[in-house]
PDB file of all heavy atoms in Angstrom:
ATOM      1  N   LEU A   1     -38.659  12.622  36.233  1.00  0.00           N
ATOM      2  CA  LEU A   1     -38.486  14.078  36.148  1.00  0.00           C
ATOM      3  C   LEU A   1     -39.283  14.632  34.973  1.00  0.00           C
ATOM      4  O   LEU A   1     -39.877  15.721  35.055  1.00  0.00           O
ATOM      5  CB  LEU A   1     -37.001  14.424  35.991  1.00  0.00           C
ATOM      6  CG  LEU A   1     -36.171  14.349  37.257  1.00  0.00           C
ATOM      7  CD1 LEU A   1     -34.690  14.510  36.939  1.00  0.00           C
ATOM      8  CD2 LEU A   1     -36.612  15.410  38.246  1.00  0.00           C
ATOM      9  N   TYR A   2     -39.296  13.901  33.862  1.00  0.00           N
ATOM     10  CA  TYR A   2     -40.090  14.323  32.694  1.00  0.00           C
ATOM     11  C   TYR A   2     -41.560  14.426  33.076  1.00  0.00           C
ATOM     12  O   TYR A   2     -42.273  15.385  32.697  1.00  0.00           O
ATOM     13  CB  TYR A   2     -39.912  13.373  31.543  1.00  0.00           C
ATOM     14  CG  TYR A   2     -38.906  13.838  30.504  1.00  0.00           C
ATOM     15  CD1 TYR A   2     -37.798  13.021  30.190  1.00  0.00           C
ATOM     16  CD2 TYR A   2     -39.054  15.038  29.867  1.00  0.00           C
ATOM     17  CE1 TYR A   2     -36.885  13.460  29.225  1.00  0.00           C
ATOM     18  CE2 TYR A   2     -38.117  15.466  28.929  1.00  0.00           C
ATOM     19  CZ  TYR A   2     -37.042  14.668  28.608  1.00  0.00           C
ATOM     20  OH  TYR A   2     -36.132  15.119  27.685  1.00  0.00           O
ATOM     21  N   ARG A   3     -42.045  13.422  33.813  1.00  0.00           N
ATOM     22  CA  ARG A   3     -43.464  13.427  34.191  1.00  0.00           C
ATOM     23  C   ARG A   3     -43.772  14.597  35.129  1.00  0.00           C
ATOM     24  O   ARG A   3     -44.832  15.228  35.040  1.00  0.00           O
ATOM     25  CB  ARG A   3     -43.833  12.102  34.855  1.00  0.00           C
ATOM     26  CG  ARG A   3     -43.878  10.901  33.894  1.00  0.00           C
ATOM     27  CD  ARG A   3     -44.581   9.725  34.549  1.00  0.00           C
ATOM     28  NE  ARG A   3     -43.923   9.302  35.789  1.00  0.00           N
ATOM     29  CZ  ARG A   3     -42.979   8.349  35.837  1.00  0.00           C
ATOM     30  NH1 ARG A   3     -42.587   7.762  34.718  1.00  0.00           N
ATOM     31  NH2 ARG A   3     -42.431   8.040  36.994  1.00  0.00           N
ATOM     32  N   LEU A   4     -42.862  14.842  36.080  1.00  0.00           N
ATOM     33  CA  LEU A   4     -43.125  15.898  37.062  1.00  0.00           C
ATOM     34  C   LEU A   4     -42.951  17.307  36.524  1.00  0.00           C
ATOM     35  O   LEU A   4     -43.711  18.201  36.838  1.00  0.00           O
ATOM     36  CB  LEU A   4     -42.201  15.712  38.277  1.00  0.00           C
ATOM     37  CG  LEU A   4     -42.397  14.445  39.119  1.00  0.00           C
ATOM     38  CD1 LEU A   4     -41.310  14.329  40.164  1.00  0.00           C
ATOM     39  CD2 LEU A   4     -43.791  14.462  39.786  1.00  0.00           C
ATOM     40  N   LEU A   5     -41.966  17.510  35.640  1.00  0.00           N
ATOM     41  CA  LEU A   5     -41.674  18.825  35.135  1.00  0.00           C
ATOM     42  C   LEU A   5     -42.549  19.240  33.964  1.00  0.00           C
ATOM     43  O   LEU A   5     -42.808  20.427  33.762  1.00  0.00           O
ATOM     44  CB  LEU A   5     -40.179  18.911  34.744  1.00  0.00           C
ATOM     45  CG  LEU A   5     -39.181  18.835  35.882  1.00  0.00           C
ATOM     46  CD1 LEU A   5     -37.767  18.701  35.360  1.00  0.00           C
ATOM     47  CD2 LEU A   5     -39.289  20.045  36.788  1.00  0.00           C
ATOM     48  N   GLY A   6     -42.942  18.263  33.138  1.00  0.00           N
ATOM     49  CA  GLY A   6     -43.773  18.583  32.015  1.00  0.00           C
ATOM     50  C   GLY A   6     -42.979  18.948  30.766  1.00  0.00           C
ATOM     51  O   GLY A   6     -41.734  18.877  30.756  1.00  0.00           O
ATOM     52  N   SER A   7     -43.660  19.397  29.736  1.00  0.00           N
ATOM     53  CA  SER A   7     -43.074  19.638  28.435  1.00  0.00           C
ATOM     54  C   SER A   7     -42.268  20.934  28.365  1.00  0.00           C
ATOM     55  O   SER A   7     -41.591  21.198  27.371  1.00  0.00           O
ATOM     56  CB  SER A   7     -44.167  19.682  27.359  1.00  0.00           C
ATOM     57  OG  SER A   7     -45.101  20.696  27.639  1.00  0.00           O
ATOM     58  N   ARG A   8     -42.308  21.780  29.394  1.00  0.00           N
ATOM     59  CA  ARG A   8     -41.563  23.051  29.385  1.00  0.00           C
ATOM     60  C   ARG A   8     -40.077  22.832  29.632  1.00  0.00           C
ATOM     61  O   ARG A   8     -39.262  23.762  29.433  1.00  0.00           O
ATOM     62  CB  ARG A   8     -42.111  24.001  30.427  1.00  0.00           C
ATOM     63  CG  ARG A   8     -43.519  24.508  30.133  1.00  0.00           C
ATOM     64  CD  ARG A   8     -43.977  25.494  31.175  1.00  0.00           C
ATOM     65  NE  ARG A   8     -44.006  24.844  32.494  1.00  0.00           N
ATOM     66  CZ  ARG A   8     -43.706  25.500  33.621  1.00  0.00           C
ATOM     67  NH1 ARG A   8     -43.391  26.767  33.600  1.00  0.00           N
ATOM     68  NH2 ARG A   8     -43.781  24.876  34.803  1.00  0.00           N
ATOM     69  N   TYR A   9     -39.699  21.626  30.057  1.00  0.00           N
ATOM     70  CA  TYR A   9     -38.281  21.374  30.382  1.00  0.00           C
ATOM     71  C   TYR A   9     -37.783  20.145  29.621  1.00  0.00           C
ATOM     72  O   TYR A   9     -38.537  19.253  29.219  1.00  0.00           O
ATOM     73  CB  TYR A   9     -38.129  21.116  31.878  1.00  0.00           C
ATOM     74  CG  TYR A   9     -38.547  22.276  32.735  1.00  0.00           C
ATOM     75  CD1 TYR A   9     -39.849  22.381  33.231  1.00  0.00           C
ATOM     76  CD2 TYR A   9     -37.650  23.293  33.070  1.00  0.00           C
ATOM     77  CE1 TYR A   9     -40.235  23.442  34.032  1.00  0.00           C
ATOM     78  CE2 TYR A   9     -38.037  24.361  33.866  1.00  0.00           C
ATOM     79  CZ  TYR A   9     -39.322  24.423  34.325  1.00  0.00           C
ATOM     80  OH  TYR A   9     -39.695  25.501  35.134  1.00  0.00           O
ATOM     81  N   LEU A  10     -36.465  20.125  29.430  1.00  0.00           N
ATOM     82  CA  LEU A  10     -35.769  18.956  28.906  1.00  0.00           C
ATOM     83  C   LEU A  10     -34.907  18.355  29.974  1.00  0.00           C
ATOM     84  O   LEU A  10     -34.244  19.075  30.726  1.00  0.00           O
ATOM     85  CB  LEU A  10     -34.867  19.372  27.709  1.00  0.00           C
ATOM     86  CG  LEU A  10     -35.551  19.971  26.467  1.00  0.00           C
ATOM     87  CD1 LEU A  10     -34.485  20.385  25.456  1.00  0.00           C
ATOM     88  CD2 LEU A  10     -36.513  18.947  25.853  1.00  0.00           C
ATOM     89  N   VAL A  11     -34.948  17.012  30.088  1.00  0.00           N
ATOM     90  CA  VAL A  11     -34.125  16.302  31.029  1.00  0.00           C
ATOM     91  C   VAL A  11     -33.254  15.326  30.217  1.00  0.00           C
ATOM     92  O   VAL A  11     -33.747  14.367  29.656  1.00  0.00           O
ATOM     93  CB  VAL A  11     -34.955  15.528  32.071  1.00  0.00           C
ATOM     94  CG1 VAL A  11     -34.032  14.832  33.092  1.00  0.00           C
ATOM     95  CG2 VAL A  11     -35.939  16.444  32.757  1.00  0.00           C
ATOM     96  N   ARG A  12     -31.965  15.610  30.150  1.00  0.00           N
ATOM     97  CA  ARG A  12     -31.082  14.885  29.239  1.00  0.00           C
ATOM     98  C   ARG A  12     -29.933  14.220  30.002  1.00  0.00           C
ATOM     99  O   ARG A  12     -29.398  14.801  30.938  1.00  0.00           O
ATOM    100  CB  ARG A  12     -30.519  15.803  28.180  1.00  0.00           C
ATOM    101  CG  ARG A  12     -31.582  16.455  27.293  1.00  0.00           C
ATOM    102  CD  ARG A  12     -30.978  17.402  26.267  1.00  0.00           C
ATOM    103  NE  ARG A  12     -30.333  18.525  26.942  1.00  0.00           N
ATOM    104  CZ  ARG A  12     -29.630  19.472  26.297  1.00  0.00           C
ATOM    105  NH1 ARG A  12     -29.493  19.404  25.003  1.00  0.00           N
ATOM    106  NH2 ARG A  12     -29.084  20.467  26.979  1.00  0.00           N
ATOM    107  N   ASP A  13     -29.570  13.020  29.551  1.00  0.00           N
ATOM    108  CA  ASP A  13     -28.363  12.361  30.110  1.00  0.00           C
ATOM    109  C   ASP A  13     -27.147  12.812  29.283  1.00  0.00           C
ATOM    110  O   ASP A  13     -27.241  13.669  28.415  1.00  0.00           O
ATOM    111  CB  ASP A  13     -28.516  10.846  30.071  1.00  0.00           C
ATOM    112  CG  ASP A  13     -28.757  10.296  28.675  1.00  0.00           C
ATOM    113  OD1 ASP A  13     -28.443  10.991  27.684  1.00  0.00           O
ATOM    114  OD2 ASP A  13     -29.217   9.140  28.538  1.00  0.00           O
ATOM    115  N   ARG A  14     -25.969  12.228  29.552  1.00  0.00           N
ATOM    116  CA  ARG A  14     -24.740  12.705  28.933  1.00  0.00           C
ATOM    117  C   ARG A  14     -24.780  12.505  27.415  1.00  0.00           C
ATOM    118  O   ARG A  14     -24.318  13.353  26.664  1.00  0.00           O
ATOM    119  CB  ARG A  14     -23.538  11.991  29.531  1.00  0.00           C
ATOM    120  CG  ARG A  14     -23.194  12.469  30.918  1.00  0.00           C
ATOM    121  CD  ARG A  14     -21.844  11.962  31.369  1.00  0.00           C
ATOM    122  NE  ARG A  14     -21.523  12.493  32.702  1.00  0.00           N
ATOM    123  CZ  ARG A  14     -21.284  11.738  33.778  1.00  0.00           C
ATOM    124  NH1 ARG A  14     -21.324  10.417  33.695  1.00  0.00           N
ATOM    125  NH2 ARG A  14     -21.012  12.276  34.943  1.00  0.00           N
ATOM    126  N   ASN A  15     -25.294  11.342  26.979  1.00  0.00           N
ATOM    127  CA  ASN A  15     -25.343  11.090  25.552  1.00  0.00           C
ATOM    128  C   ASN A  15     -26.248  12.075  24.851  1.00  0.00           C
ATOM    129  O   ASN A  15     -25.962  12.521  23.722  1.00  0.00           O
ATOM    130  CB  ASN A  15     -25.812   9.636  25.295  1.00  0.00           C
ATOM    131  CG  ASN A  15     -24.754   8.617  25.627  1.00  0.00           C
ATOM    132  OD1 ASN A  15     -23.627   8.975  25.924  1.00  0.00           O
ATOM    133  ND2 ASN A  15     -25.125   7.378  25.596  1.00  0.00           N
ATOM    134  N   GLU A  16     -27.335  12.427  25.487  1.00  0.00           N
ATOM    135  CA  GLU A  16     -28.275  13.401  24.890  1.00  0.00           C
ATOM    136  C   GLU A  16     -27.755  14.813  24.912  1.00  0.00           C
ATOM    137  O   GLU A  16     -28.044  15.596  24.012  1.00  0.00           O
ATOM    138  CB  GLU A  16     -29.625  13.278  25.580  1.00  0.00           C
ATOM    139  CG  GLU A  16     -30.344  11.989  25.354  1.00  0.00           C
ATOM    140  CD  GLU A  16     -31.519  11.763  26.268  1.00  0.00           C
ATOM    141  OE1 GLU A  16     -31.578  12.422  27.344  1.00  0.00           O
ATOM    142  OE2 GLU A  16     -32.401  10.958  25.949  1.00  0.00           O
ATOM    143  N   GLN A  17     -26.913  15.115  25.907  1.00  0.00           N
ATOM    144  CA  GLN A  17     -26.297  16.431  25.925  1.00  0.00           C
ATOM    145  C   GLN A  17     -25.297  16.596  24.808  1.00  0.00           C
ATOM    146  O   GLN A  17     -25.094  17.717  24.317  1.00  0.00           O
ATOM    147  CB  GLN A  17     -25.599  16.638  27.295  1.00  0.00           C
ATOM    148  CG  GLN A  17     -26.544  16.694  28.491  1.00  0.00           C
ATOM    149  CD  GLN A  17     -25.810  16.556  29.803  1.00  0.00           C
ATOM    150  OE1 GLN A  17     -24.726  17.100  29.995  1.00  0.00           O
ATOM    151  NE2 GLN A  17     -26.373  15.786  30.719  1.00  0.00           N
ATOM    152  N   GLN A  18     -24.665  15.507  24.402  1.00  0.00           N
ATOM    153  CA  GLN A  18     -23.730  15.509  23.286  1.00  0.00           C
ATOM    154  C   GLN A  18     -24.276  14.669  22.133  1.00  0.00           C
ATOM    155  O   GLN A  18     -23.573  13.834  21.552  1.00  0.00           O
ATOM    156  CB  GLN A  18     -22.367  14.958  23.741  1.00  0.00           C
ATOM    157  CG  GLN A  18     -21.736  15.705  24.888  1.00  0.00           C
ATOM    158  CD  GLN A  18     -21.196  17.057  24.497  1.00  0.00           C
ATOM    159  OE1 GLN A  18     -20.984  17.328  23.308  1.00  0.00           O
ATOM    160  NE2 GLN A  18     -20.935  17.926  25.448  1.00  0.00           N
ATOM    161  N   GLN A  19     -25.536  14.886  21.834  1.00  0.00           N
ATOM    162  CA  GLN A  19     -26.258  14.009  20.864  1.00  0.00           C
ATOM    163  C   GLN A  19     -25.600  14.004  19.514  1.00  0.00           C
ATOM    164  O   GLN A  19     -25.404  12.918  18.921  1.00  0.00           O
ATOM    165  CB  GLN A  19     -27.707  14.475  20.765  1.00  0.00           C
ATOM    166  CG  GLN A  19     -28.592  13.521  19.955  1.00  0.00           C
ATOM    167  CD  GLN A  19     -30.041  13.940  20.012  1.00  0.00           C
ATOM    168  OE1 GLN A  19     -30.377  15.018  20.500  1.00  0.00           O
ATOM    169  NE2 GLN A  19     -30.902  13.099  19.510  1.00  0.00           N
ATOM    170  N   ASP A  20     -25.259  15.177  18.971  1.00  0.00           N
ATOM    171  CA  ASP A  20     -24.674  15.221  17.636  1.00  0.00           C
ATOM    172  C   ASP A  20     -23.322  14.509  17.601  1.00  0.00           C
ATOM    173  O   ASP A  20     -22.994  13.815  16.615  1.00  0.00           O
ATOM    174  CB  ASP A  20     -24.494  16.665  17.195  1.00  0.00           C
ATOM    175  CG  ASP A  20     -25.824  17.382  17.007  1.00  0.00           C
ATOM    176  OD1 ASP A  20     -26.832  16.674  16.781  1.00  0.00           O
ATOM    177  OD2 ASP A  20     -25.863  18.636  17.104  1.00  0.00           O
ATOM    178  N   TYR A  21     -22.542  14.677  18.659  1.00  0.00           N
ATOM    179  CA  TYR A  21     -21.213  14.069  18.710  1.00  0.00           C
ATOM    180  C   TYR A  21     -21.319  12.542  18.701  1.00  0.00           C
ATOM    181  O   TYR A  21     -20.620  11.879  17.938  1.00  0.00           O
ATOM    182  CB  TYR A  21     -20.513  14.552  19.985  1.00  0.00           C
ATOM    183  CG  TYR A  21     -19.054  14.286  20.029  1.00  0.00           C
ATOM    184  CD1 TYR A  21     -18.135  15.050  19.306  1.00  0.00           C
ATOM    185  CD2 TYR A  21     -18.522  13.263  20.831  1.00  0.00           C
ATOM    186  CE1 TYR A  21     -16.803  14.795  19.351  1.00  0.00           C
ATOM    187  CE2 TYR A  21     -17.178  13.010  20.886  1.00  0.00           C
ATOM    188  CZ  TYR A  21     -16.309  13.783  20.123  1.00  0.00           C
ATOM    189  OH  TYR A  21     -14.975  13.525  20.149  1.00  0.00           O
ATOM    190  N   PHE A  22     -22.178  11.982  19.555  1.00  0.00           N
ATOM    191  CA  PHE A  22     -22.294  10.545  19.617  1.00  0.00           C
ATOM    192  C   PHE A  22     -22.988   9.987  18.377  1.00  0.00           C
ATOM    193  O   PHE A  22     -22.766   8.843  17.984  1.00  0.00           O
ATOM    194  CB  PHE A  22     -23.061  10.132  20.863  1.00  0.00           C
ATOM    195  CG  PHE A  22     -22.235  10.197  22.135  1.00  0.00           C
ATOM    196  CD1 PHE A  22     -22.389  11.224  23.033  1.00  0.00           C
ATOM    197  CD2 PHE A  22     -21.263   9.248  22.396  1.00  0.00           C
ATOM    198  CE1 PHE A  22     -21.608  11.268  24.191  1.00  0.00           C
ATOM    199  CE2 PHE A  22     -20.495   9.293  23.514  1.00  0.00           C
ATOM    200  CZ  PHE A  22     -20.666  10.316  24.417  1.00  0.00           C
ATOM    201  N   LYS A  23     -23.852  10.773  17.743  1.00  0.00           N
ATOM    202  CA  LYS A  23     -24.490  10.333  16.506  1.00  0.00           C
ATOM    203  C   LYS A  23     -23.455  10.122  15.398  1.00  0.00           C
ATOM    204  O   LYS A  23     -23.511   9.157  14.652  1.00  0.00           O
ATOM    205  CB  LYS A  23     -25.563  11.332  16.083  1.00  0.00           C
ATOM    206  CG  LYS A  23     -26.397  10.858  14.899  1.00  0.00           C
ATOM    207  CD  LYS A  23     -27.413  11.924  14.511  1.00  0.00           C
ATOM    208  CE  LYS A  23     -28.451  12.054  15.592  1.00  0.00           C
ATOM    209  NZ  LYS A  23     -29.537  13.029  15.197  1.00  0.00           N
ATOM    210  N   ILE A  24     -22.494  11.030  15.327  1.00  0.00           N
ATOM    211  CA  ILE A  24     -21.431  10.907  14.332  1.00  0.00           C
ATOM    212  C   ILE A  24     -20.607   9.666  14.606  1.00  0.00           C
ATOM    213  O   ILE A  24     -20.246   8.924  13.656  1.00  0.00           O
ATOM    214  CB  ILE A  24     -20.540  12.171  14.341  1.00  0.00           C
ATOM    215  CG1 ILE A  24     -21.310  13.384  13.846  1.00  0.00           C
ATOM    216  CG2 ILE A  24     -19.276  11.980  13.515  1.00  0.00           C
ATOM    217  CD1 ILE A  24     -20.577  14.705  13.984  1.00  0.00           C
ATOM    218  N   ILE A  25     -20.289   9.415  15.875  1.00  0.00           N
ATOM    219  CA  ILE A  25     -19.523   8.220  16.211  1.00  0.00           C
ATOM    220  C   ILE A  25     -20.267   6.960  15.825  1.00  0.00           C
ATOM    221  O   ILE A  25     -19.709   5.996  15.280  1.00  0.00           O
ATOM    222  CB  ILE A  25     -19.180   8.219  17.720  1.00  0.00           C
ATOM    223  CG1 ILE A  25     -18.208   9.360  18.045  1.00  0.00           C
ATOM    224  CG2 ILE A  25     -18.570   6.877  18.143  1.00  0.00           C
ATOM    225  CD1 ILE A  25     -17.881   9.451  19.505  1.00  0.00           C
ATOM    226  N   LYS A  26     -21.586   6.918  16.090  1.00  0.00           N
ATOM    227  CA  LYS A  26     -22.397   5.743  15.740  1.00  0.00           C
ATOM    228  C   LYS A  26     -22.437   5.521  14.253  1.00  0.00           C
ATOM    229  O   LYS A  26     -22.354   4.372  13.788  1.00  0.00           O
ATOM    230  CB  LYS A  26     -23.800   5.889  16.290  1.00  0.00           C
ATOM    231  CG  LYS A  26     -23.908   5.746  17.797  1.00  0.00           C
ATOM    232  CD  LYS A  26     -25.343   5.897  18.262  1.00  0.00           C
ATOM    233  CE  LYS A  26     -25.442   5.769  19.793  1.00  0.00           C
ATOM    234  NZ  LYS A  26     -26.845   5.948  20.268  1.00  0.00           N
ATOM    235  N   ILE A  27     -22.531   6.609  13.490  1.00  0.00           N
ATOM    236  CA  ILE A  27     -22.553   6.488  12.005  1.00  0.00           C
ATOM    237  C   ILE A  27     -21.203   5.948  11.497  1.00  0.00           C
ATOM    238  O   ILE A  27     -21.175   5.065  10.663  1.00  0.00           O
ATOM    239  CB  ILE A  27     -22.892   7.857  11.376  1.00  0.00           C
ATOM    240  CG1 ILE A  27     -24.336   8.224  11.685  1.00  0.00           C
ATOM    241  CG2 ILE A  27     -22.679   7.793   9.874  1.00  0.00           C
ATOM    242  CD1 ILE A  27     -24.701   9.629  11.237  1.00  0.00           C
ATOM    243  N   GLU A  28     -20.109   6.486  12.047  1.00  0.00           N
ATOM    244  CA  GLU A  28     -18.807   6.001  11.654  1.00  0.00           C
ATOM    245  C   GLU A  28     -18.627   4.534  12.013  1.00  0.00           C
ATOM    246  O   GLU A  28     -18.093   3.723  11.210  1.00  0.00           O
ATOM    247  CB  GLU A  28     -17.701   6.831  12.337  1.00  0.00           C
ATOM    248  CG  GLU A  28     -17.622   8.270  11.830  1.00  0.00           C
ATOM    249  CD  GLU A  28     -16.563   9.046  12.580  1.00  0.00           C
ATOM    250  OE1 GLU A  28     -16.098   8.585  13.633  1.00  0.00           O
ATOM    251  OE2 GLU A  28     -16.232  10.160  12.106  1.00  0.00           O
ATOM    252  N   ARG A  29     -19.089   4.172  13.176  1.00  0.00           N
ATOM    253  CA  ARG A  29     -18.988   2.767  13.620  1.00  0.00           C
ATOM    254  C   ARG A  29     -19.781   1.859  12.697  1.00  0.00           C
ATOM    255  O   ARG A  29     -19.344   0.774  12.338  1.00  0.00           O
ATOM    256  CB  ARG A  29     -19.492   2.672  15.062  1.00  0.00           C
ATOM    257  CG  ARG A  29     -19.331   1.278  15.689  1.00  0.00           C
ATOM    258  CD  ARG A  29     -19.804   1.367  17.142  1.00  0.00           C
ATOM    259  NE  ARG A  29     -19.673   0.091  17.822  1.00  0.00           N
ATOM    260  CZ  ARG A  29     -20.600  -0.881  17.828  1.00  0.00           C
ATOM    261  NH1 ARG A  29     -21.715  -0.680  17.158  1.00  0.00           N
ATOM    262  NH2 ARG A  29     -20.383  -1.995  18.490  1.00  0.00           N
ATOM    263  N   MET A  30     -20.974   2.296  12.320  1.00  0.00           N
ATOM    264  CA  MET A  30     -21.801   1.495  11.427  1.00  0.00           C
ATOM    265  C   MET A  30     -21.181   1.328  10.034  1.00  0.00           C
ATOM    266  O   MET A  30     -21.197   0.235   9.484  1.00  0.00           O
ATOM    267  CB  MET A  30     -23.197   2.141  11.300  1.00  0.00           C
ATOM    268  CG  MET A  30     -24.204   1.317  10.522  1.00  0.00           C
ATOM    269  SD  MET A  30     -25.802   2.189  10.404  1.00  0.00           S
ATOM    270  CE  MET A  30     -26.196   2.382  12.155  1.00  0.00           C
ATOM    271  N   ILE A  31     -20.605   2.419   9.528  1.00  0.00           N
ATOM    272  CA  ILE A  31     -19.967   2.356   8.208  1.00  0.00           C
ATOM    273  C   ILE A  31     -18.800   1.398   8.225  1.00  0.00           C
ATOM    274  O   ILE A  31     -18.641   0.528   7.340  1.00  0.00           O
ATOM    275  CB  ILE A  31     -19.517   3.760   7.778  1.00  0.00           C
ATOM    276  CG1 ILE A  31     -20.733   4.649   7.489  1.00  0.00           C
ATOM    277  CG2 ILE A  31     -18.635   3.699   6.547  1.00  0.00           C
ATOM    278  CD1 ILE A  31     -20.385   6.080   7.213  1.00  0.00           C
ATOM    279  N   VAL A  32     -17.958   1.497   9.279  1.00  0.00           N
ATOM    280  CA  VAL A  32     -16.800   0.568   9.379  1.00  0.00           C
ATOM    281  C   VAL A  32     -17.280  -0.848   9.538  1.00  0.00           C
ATOM    282  O   VAL A  32     -16.715  -1.797   8.942  1.00  0.00           O
ATOM    283  CB  VAL A  32     -15.911   0.993  10.556  1.00  0.00           C
ATOM    284  CG1 VAL A  32     -14.831  -0.045  10.794  1.00  0.00           C
ATOM    285  CG2 VAL A  32     -15.273   2.356  10.290  1.00  0.00           C
ATOM    286  N   PHE A  33     -18.334  -1.078  10.303  1.00  0.00           N
ATOM    287  CA  PHE A  33     -18.890  -2.423  10.533  1.00  0.00           C
ATOM    288  C   PHE A  33     -19.376  -3.014   9.206  1.00  0.00           C
ATOM    289  O   PHE A  33     -19.086  -4.180   8.913  1.00  0.00           O
ATOM    290  CB  PHE A  33     -20.039  -2.358  11.503  1.00  0.00           C
ATOM    291  CG  PHE A  33     -20.535  -3.687  11.979  1.00  0.00           C
ATOM    292  CD1 PHE A  33     -19.924  -4.382  13.018  1.00  0.00           C
ATOM    293  CD2 PHE A  33     -21.643  -4.311  11.364  1.00  0.00           C
ATOM    294  CE1 PHE A  33     -20.379  -5.614  13.428  1.00  0.00           C
ATOM    295  CE2 PHE A  33     -22.124  -5.526  11.783  1.00  0.00           C
ATOM    296  CZ  PHE A  33     -21.474  -6.180  12.811  1.00  0.00           C
ATOM    297  N   VAL A  34     -20.047  -2.225   8.391  1.00  0.00           N
ATOM    298  CA  VAL A  34     -20.557  -2.701   7.072  1.00  0.00           C
ATOM    299  C   VAL A  34     -19.378  -3.034   6.145  1.00  0.00           C
ATOM    300  O   VAL A  34     -19.406  -4.040   5.461  1.00  0.00           O
ATOM    301  CB  VAL A  34     -21.498  -1.667   6.476  1.00  0.00           C
ATOM    302  CG1 VAL A  34     -21.864  -2.034   5.034  1.00  0.00           C
ATOM    303  CG2 VAL A  34     -22.769  -1.514   7.296  1.00  0.00           C
ATOM    304  N   ILE A  35     -18.376  -2.129   6.129  1.00  0.00           N
ATOM    305  CA  ILE A  35     -17.203  -2.393   5.278  1.00  0.00           C
ATOM    306  C   ILE A  35     -16.516  -3.680   5.654  1.00  0.00           C
ATOM    307  O   ILE A  35     -16.173  -4.506   4.803  1.00  0.00           O
ATOM    308  CB  ILE A  35     -16.221  -1.208   5.353  1.00  0.00           C
ATOM    309  CG1 ILE A  35     -16.849   0.049   4.702  1.00  0.00           C
ATOM    310  CG2 ILE A  35     -14.896  -1.541   4.662  1.00  0.00           C
ATOM    311  CD1 ILE A  35     -16.024   1.296   4.893  1.00  0.00           C
ATOM    312  N   LEU A  36     -16.350  -3.929   6.950  1.00  0.00           N
ATOM    313  CA  LEU A  36     -15.707  -5.146   7.390  1.00  0.00           C
ATOM    314  C   LEU A  36     -16.590  -6.373   7.138  1.00  0.00           C
ATOM    315  O   LEU A  36     -16.086  -7.473   6.889  1.00  0.00           O
ATOM    316  CB  LEU A  36     -15.356  -5.056   8.884  1.00  0.00           C
ATOM    317  CG  LEU A  36     -14.208  -4.089   9.196  1.00  0.00           C
ATOM    318  CD1 LEU A  36     -14.019  -3.981  10.707  1.00  0.00           C
ATOM    319  CD2 LEU A  36     -12.907  -4.548   8.563  1.00  0.00           C
ATOM    320  N   LEU A  37     -17.915  -6.178   7.156  1.00  0.00           N
ATOM    321  CA  LEU A  37     -18.815  -7.298   6.829  1.00  0.00           C
ATOM    322  C   LEU A  37     -18.622  -7.696   5.373  1.00  0.00           C
ATOM    323  O   LEU A  37     -18.733  -8.887   5.029  1.00  0.00           O
ATOM    324  CB  LEU A  37     -20.272  -6.890   7.083  1.00  0.00           C
ATOM    325  CG  LEU A  37     -20.791  -7.102   8.508  1.00  0.00           C
ATOM    326  CD1 LEU A  37     -22.272  -6.763   8.583  1.00  0.00           C
ATOM    327  CD2 LEU A  37     -20.567  -8.537   8.978  1.00  0.00           C
ATOM    328  N   PHE A  38     -18.372  -6.716   4.494  1.00  0.00           N
ATOM    329  CA  PHE A  38     -18.068  -7.074   3.100  1.00  0.00           C
ATOM    330  C   PHE A  38     -16.833  -7.939   2.994  1.00  0.00           C
ATOM    331  O   PHE A  38     -16.755  -8.829   2.194  1.00  0.00           O
ATOM    332  CB  PHE A  38     -17.919  -5.797   2.259  1.00  0.00           C
ATOM    333  CG  PHE A  38     -19.230  -5.235   1.761  1.00  0.00           C
ATOM    334  CD1 PHE A  38     -19.728  -4.053   2.231  1.00  0.00           C
ATOM    335  CD2 PHE A  38     -19.983  -5.938   0.808  1.00  0.00           C
ATOM    336  CE1 PHE A  38     -20.931  -3.530   1.790  1.00  0.00           C
ATOM    337  CE2 PHE A  38     -21.177  -5.427   0.357  1.00  0.00           C
ATOM    338  CZ  PHE A  38     -21.661  -4.224   0.833  1.00  0.00           C
ATOM    339  N   MET A  39     -15.816  -7.594   3.838  1.00  0.00           N
ATOM    340  CA  MET A  39     -14.607  -8.423   3.876  1.00  0.00           C
ATOM    341  C   MET A  39     -14.948  -9.847   4.326  1.00  0.00           C
ATOM    342  O   MET A  39     -14.424 -10.815   3.767  1.00  0.00           O
ATOM    343  CB  MET A  39     -13.556  -7.783   4.793  1.00  0.00           C
ATOM    344  CG  MET A  39     -13.001  -6.449   4.337  1.00  0.00           C
ATOM    345  SD  MET A  39     -11.897  -5.725   5.535  1.00  0.00           S
ATOM    346  CE  MET A  39     -10.728  -7.062   5.764  1.00  0.00           C
TER     347      MET A  39
END
């Protein structure tokens, strides 16, 4: 779809539609993972 529609359009999946939300979750997950690695 990106190839056919060109740069005038965005084609996003669910994660990309809620990009900020999932980015926060990934950051929280990474922080907790690092803290537990210290343990």
